[in-house]
C-alpha atoms as a PDB file:
ATOM      1  CA  MET A   1      19.725 -12.377  22.723  1.00  0.00           C
ATOM      2  CA  LEU A   2      16.554 -13.583  23.044  1.00  0.00           C
ATOM      3  CA  LYS A   3      15.463  -9.995  24.675  1.00  0.00           C
ATOM      4  CA  GLY A   4      16.288  -8.200  21.183  1.00  0.00           C
ATOM      5  CA  PHE A   5      14.399 -10.608  19.388  1.00  0.00           C
ATOM      6  CA  LYS A   6      11.086 -10.496  21.911  1.00  0.00           C
ATOM      7  CA  GLU A   7      11.688  -7.099  21.196  1.00  0.00           C
ATOM      8  CA  PHE A   8      11.822  -7.132  17.288  1.00  0.00           C
ATOM      9  CA  ILE A   9       8.364  -9.547  17.501  1.00  0.00           C
ATOM     10  CA  LEU A  10       6.392  -7.735  19.931  1.00  0.00           C
ATOM     11  CA  ARG A  11       6.649  -4.409  17.563  1.00  0.00           C
ATOM     12  CA  GLY A  12       3.408  -3.570  16.220  1.00  0.00           C
ATOM     13  CA  ASN A  13       4.670  -3.669  12.602  1.00  0.00           C
ATOM     14  CA  VAL A  14       6.036  -6.886  12.588  1.00  0.00           C
ATOM     15  CA  ILE A  15       2.949  -8.190  13.495  1.00  0.00           C
ATOM     16  CA  ASP A  16       0.729  -5.910  11.025  1.00  0.00           C
ATOM     17  CA  LEU A  17       2.762  -7.268   8.246  1.00  0.00           C
ATOM     18  CA  ALA A  18       2.295 -10.829   9.431  1.00  0.00           C
ATOM     19  CA  VAL A  19      -1.663 -10.540   9.637  1.00  0.00           C
ATOM     20  CA  ALA A  20      -1.032  -8.545   5.882  1.00  0.00           C
ATOM     21  CA  VAL A  21       1.034 -11.907   4.137  1.00  0.00           C
ATOM     22  CA  VAL A  22      -1.772 -14.080   6.053  1.00  0.00           C
ATOM     23  CA  ILE A  23      -4.945 -12.146   4.388  1.00  0.00           C
ATOM     24  CA  GLY A  24      -2.574 -11.863   1.454  1.00  0.00           C
ATOM     25  CA  ALA A  25      -2.420 -15.343   0.856  1.00  0.00           C
ATOM     26  CA  ALA A  26      -6.402 -15.723   1.072  1.00  0.00           C
ATOM     27  CA  PHE A  27      -6.880 -13.148  -1.312  1.00  0.00           C
ATOM     28  CA  THR A  28      -4.819 -14.712  -3.804  1.00  0.00           C
ATOM     29  CA  ALA A  29      -7.096 -17.983  -3.435  1.00  0.00           C
ATOM     30  CA  ILE A  30      -9.974 -15.469  -4.119  1.00  0.00           C
ATOM     31  CA  VAL A  31      -8.376 -13.566  -7.324  1.00  0.00           C
ATOM     32  CA  ASN A  32      -6.970 -16.789  -8.571  1.00  0.00           C
ATOM     33  CA  SER A  33     -10.426 -18.579  -8.580  1.00  0.00           C
ATOM     34  CA  LEU A  34     -11.535 -15.339 -10.083  1.00  0.00           C
ATOM     35  CA  VAL A  35      -9.162 -15.374 -12.675  1.00  0.00           C
ATOM     36  CA  GLU A  36      -9.004 -19.086 -13.574  1.00  0.00           C
ATOM     37  CA  ASN A  37     -13.308 -19.859 -13.578  1.00  0.00           C
ATOM     38  CA  ILE A  38     -14.609 -16.418 -15.036  1.00  0.00           C
ATOM     39  CA  PHE A  39     -12.065 -14.563 -17.022  1.00  0.00           C
ATOM     40  CA  ASN A  40      -9.722 -17.206 -18.582  1.00  0.00           C
ATOM     41  CA  PRO A  41     -13.202 -18.705 -20.000  1.00  0.00           C
ATOM     42  CA  LEU A  42     -14.155 -15.831 -21.501  1.00  0.00           C
ATOM     43  CA  LEU A  43     -11.135 -14.959 -22.475  1.00  0.00           C
ATOM     44  CA  GLY A  44     -10.447 -18.300 -23.792  1.00  0.00           C
ATOM     45  CA  ALA A  45     -13.516 -18.391 -25.905  1.00  0.00           C
ATOM     46  CA  LEU A  46     -12.988 -15.291 -27.359  1.00  0.00           C
ATOM     47  CA  PHE A  47      -9.224 -16.651 -29.041  1.00  0.00           C
ATOM     48  CA  ARG A  48     -11.066 -20.377 -29.235  1.00  0.00           C
ATOM     49  CA  ALA A  49      -8.859 -21.980 -26.536  1.00  0.00           C
ATOM     50  CA  GLU A  50     -10.508 -24.019 -23.375  1.00  0.00           C
ATOM     51  CA  SER A  51      -7.887 -21.009 -21.186  1.00  0.00           C
ATOM     52  CA  LEU A  52      -5.511 -18.669 -21.914  1.00  0.00           C
ATOM     53  CA  ASN A  53      -3.256 -21.148 -20.936  1.00  0.00           C
ATOM     54  CA  ASP A  54      -4.004 -23.011 -24.160  1.00  0.00           C
ATOM     55  CA  ALA A  55      -4.345 -20.077 -26.227  1.00  0.00           C
ATOM     56  CA  PHE A  56      -1.331 -17.893 -28.130  1.00  0.00           C
ATOM     57  CA  ASN A  57       1.147 -20.734 -27.418  1.00  0.00           C
ATOM     58  CA  VAL A  58       4.074 -20.692 -30.388  1.00  0.00           C
ATOM     59  CA  SER A  59       6.479 -23.398 -30.748  1.00  0.00           C
ATOM     60  CA  ILE A  60       9.888 -22.849 -31.906  1.00  0.00           C
ATOM     61  CA  PRO A  61      12.437 -25.530 -32.777  1.00  0.00           C
ATOM     62  CA  THR A  62      15.142 -26.934 -30.779  1.00  0.00           C
ATOM     63  CA  VAL A  63      18.839 -28.468 -31.288  1.00  0.00           C
ATOM     64  CA  ASP A  64      17.804 -31.894 -29.785  1.00  0.00           C
ATOM     65  CA  GLY A  65      14.779 -31.929 -32.291  1.00  0.00           C
ATOM     66  CA  ASP A  66      11.837 -31.762 -29.798  1.00  0.00           C
ATOM     67  CA  PRO A  67      10.240 -28.070 -29.531  1.00  0.00           C
ATOM     68  CA  ALA A  68      10.133 -25.588 -27.154  1.00  0.00           C
ATOM     69  CA  VAL A  69       6.790 -24.189 -26.288  1.00  0.00           C
ATOM     70  CA  ILE A  70       6.253 -20.329 -25.477  1.00  0.00           C
ATOM     71  CA  HIS A  71       2.924 -19.786 -23.650  1.00  0.00           C
ATOM     72  CA  PHE A  72       1.924 -16.268 -24.387  1.00  0.00           C
ATOM     73  CA  GLY A  73      -1.705 -17.002 -23.222  1.00  0.00           C
ATOM     74  CA  ALA A  74      -0.179 -18.322 -19.439  1.00  0.00           C
ATOM     75  CA  PHE A  75       1.500 -14.626 -19.265  1.00  0.00           C
ATOM     76  CA  ILE A  76      -1.476 -12.691 -20.654  1.00  0.00           C
ATOM     77  CA  GLY A  77      -3.564 -14.503 -17.808  1.00  0.00           C
ATOM     78  CA  ALA A  78      -0.713 -13.545 -15.069  1.00  0.00           C
ATOM     79  CA  THR A  79      -0.770 -10.212 -16.097  1.00  0.00           C
ATOM     80  CA  ILE A  80      -4.571 -10.102 -15.943  1.00  0.00           C
ATOM     81  CA  GLN A  81      -4.402 -11.642 -12.385  1.00  0.00           C
ATOM     82  CA  PHE A  82      -1.621  -8.878 -11.172  1.00  0.00           C
ATOM     83  CA  LEU A  83      -4.121  -5.845 -12.901  1.00  0.00           C
ATOM     84  CA  LEU A  84      -6.769  -7.615 -11.008  1.00  0.00           C
ATOM     85  CA  VAL A  85      -5.520  -7.706  -7.744  1.00  0.00           C
ATOM     86  CA  ALA A  86      -4.278  -4.101  -8.037  1.00  0.00           C
ATOM     87  CA  ALA A  87      -7.695  -2.833  -8.992  1.00  0.00           C
ATOM     88  CA  VAL A  88      -9.179  -4.604  -6.138  1.00  0.00           C
ATOM     89  CA  VAL A  89      -6.171  -3.783  -3.430  1.00  0.00           C
ATOM     90  CA  TYR A  90      -6.413   0.001  -4.579  1.00  0.00           C
ATOM     91  CA  PHE A  91     -10.675   0.163  -4.925  1.00  0.00           C
ATOM     92  CA  VAL A  92     -11.053  -2.050  -1.906  1.00  0.00           C
ATOM     93  CA  ILE A  93      -8.489  -1.224   0.474  1.00  0.00           C
ATOM     94  CA  VAL A  94      -6.371   2.124  -0.440  1.00  0.00           C
ATOM     95  CA  LEU A  95      -9.055   4.420  -2.161  1.00  0.00           C
ATOM     96  CA  PRO A  96     -11.313   3.688   1.192  1.00  0.00           C
ATOM     97  CA  MET A  97      -8.198   4.242   3.886  1.00  0.00           C
ATOM     98  CA  ASN A  98      -7.244   7.640   2.151  1.00  0.00           C
ATOM     99  CA  HIS A  99     -10.655   8.901   1.968  1.00  0.00           C
ATOM    100  CA  PHE A 100     -11.718   7.830   5.887  1.00  0.00           C
ATOM    101  CA  LYS A 101      -8.025   9.814   6.565  1.00  0.00           C
ATOM    102  CA  ARG A 102      -8.654  12.652   4.516  1.00  0.00           C
ATOM    103  CA  VAL A 103     -12.424  12.537   6.670  1.00  0.00           C
ATOM    104  CA  THR A 104     -10.812  12.367  10.111  1.00  0.00           C
ATOM    105  CA  THR A 105      -7.874  14.715   9.776  1.00  0.00           C
ATOM    106  CA  LYS A 106      -9.829  17.337   8.099  1.00  0.00           C
ATOM    107  CA  PRO A 107      -9.157  20.475  10.404  1.00  0.00           C
ATOM    108  CA  THR A 108     -12.108  22.264  12.236  1.00  0.00           C
ATOM    109  CA  ILE A 109     -12.865  26.081  11.308  1.00  0.00           C
ATOM    110  CA  ALA A 110     -11.754  26.476  15.002  1.00  0.00           C
ATOM    111  CA  ASP A 111      -8.796  24.903  14.692  1.00  0.00           C
ATOM    112  CA  GLU A 112      -7.637  27.350  11.722  1.00  0.00           C
ATOM    113  CA  ALA A 113      -8.868  29.836  13.613  1.00  0.00           C
ATOM    114  CA  ALA A 114      -6.443  29.037  16.310  1.00  0.00           C
ATOM    115  CA  ALA A 115      -3.199  28.650  14.710  1.00  0.00           C
ATOM    116  CA  PRO A 116      -1.266  31.328  13.931  1.00  0.00           C
ATOM    117  CA  SER A 117      -1.097  32.082  10.251  1.00  0.00           C
ATOM    118  CA  GLU A 118       2.236  31.282   8.117  1.00  0.00           C
ATOM    119  CA  LEU A 119       3.310  35.451   8.204  1.00  0.00           C
ATOM    120  CA  SER A 120       2.805  35.367  11.963  1.00  0.00           C
ATOM    121  CA  LEU A 121       5.143  32.619  12.715  1.00  0.00           C
ATOM    122  CA  LEU A 122       7.936  34.012   9.597  1.00  0.00           C
ATOM    123  CA  THR A 123       7.809  37.371  11.511  1.00  0.00           C
ATOM    124  CA  GLU A 124       8.679  35.436  15.241  1.00  0.00           C
ATOM    125  CA  ILE A 125      11.322  33.811  13.413  1.00  0.00           C
ATOM    126  CA  ARG A 126      13.054  36.667  11.801  1.00  0.00           C
ATOM    127  CA  ASP A 127      12.698  38.814  14.711  1.00  0.00           C
ATOM    128  CA  VAL A 128      14.465  36.200  16.721  1.00  0.00           C
ATOM    129  CA  LEU A 129      17.117  35.884  14.387  1.00  0.00           C
ATOM    130  CA  LYS A 130      17.627  39.713  14.536  1.00  0.00           C
ATOM    131  CA  THR A 131      18.100  39.544  18.139  1.00  0.00           C
ATOM    132  CA  GLY A 132      19.682  36.551  18.507  1.00  0.00           C
ATOM    133  CA  THR A 133      17.821  35.591  21.747  1.00  0.00           C
ATOM    134  CA  SER A 134      15.747  32.034  22.570  1.00  0.00           C
ATOM    135  CA  SER A 135      12.574  31.574  21.219  1.00  0.00           C
ATOM    136  CA  PRO A 136       9.736  33.978  22.180  1.00  0.00           C
ATOM    137  CA  LEU A 137       7.361  31.182  23.232  1.00  0.00           C
ATOM    138  CA  PRO A 138       7.226  29.859  26.839  1.00  0.00           C
ATOM    139  CA  PRO A 139       8.515  27.245  28.554  1.00  0.00           C
ATOM    140  CA  ALA A 140       7.511  23.628  27.676  1.00  0.00           C
ATOM    141  CA  ARG A 141       5.796  22.394  30.732  1.00  0.00           C
ATOM    142  CA  ASP A 142       6.946  19.684  32.860  1.00  0.00           C
ATOM    143  CA  ASP A 143       4.310  17.109  33.351  1.00  0.00           C
ATOM    144  CA  THR A 144       6.428  14.593  35.387  1.00  0.00           C
ATOM    145  CA  THR A 145       5.873  16.500  38.346  1.00  0.00           C
ATOM    146  CA  ASP A 146       2.823  17.525  39.690  1.00  0.00           C
ATOM    147  CA  GLY A 147       2.669  21.297  39.897  1.00  0.00           C
ATOM    148  CA  ARG A 148       3.103  21.924  43.639  1.00  0.00           C
END
């Protein structure tokens, strides 16, 4: 039982996920500060409120007589915060990683020249299917022996 748990914990993707959660929590503090200290006051100034939490409040009557307050401004603030997080994650993490992946996996001219064409591969497959023989490729090399 403990052996399986140890294998689970030591798997690379679990460690990566743990790191992502910790970084995400730290990053959330930065984005919260940006929204609460910069964007909320700016948007609140446009709507004559101290912050978005105080803007667009709607009171509705309840059965017991105390009004219930719907905070539309707080929802707008949370939506703006989500969009900021998504934009920063995309432009700071996803876009550079996609660019890096595209640059590092770009095939070279030598690779393209050495690779068989799609037509030749399809022709080989057709010929193998017609004759009913095994693959025309040489057998796989056995690297477990030293070859002597």
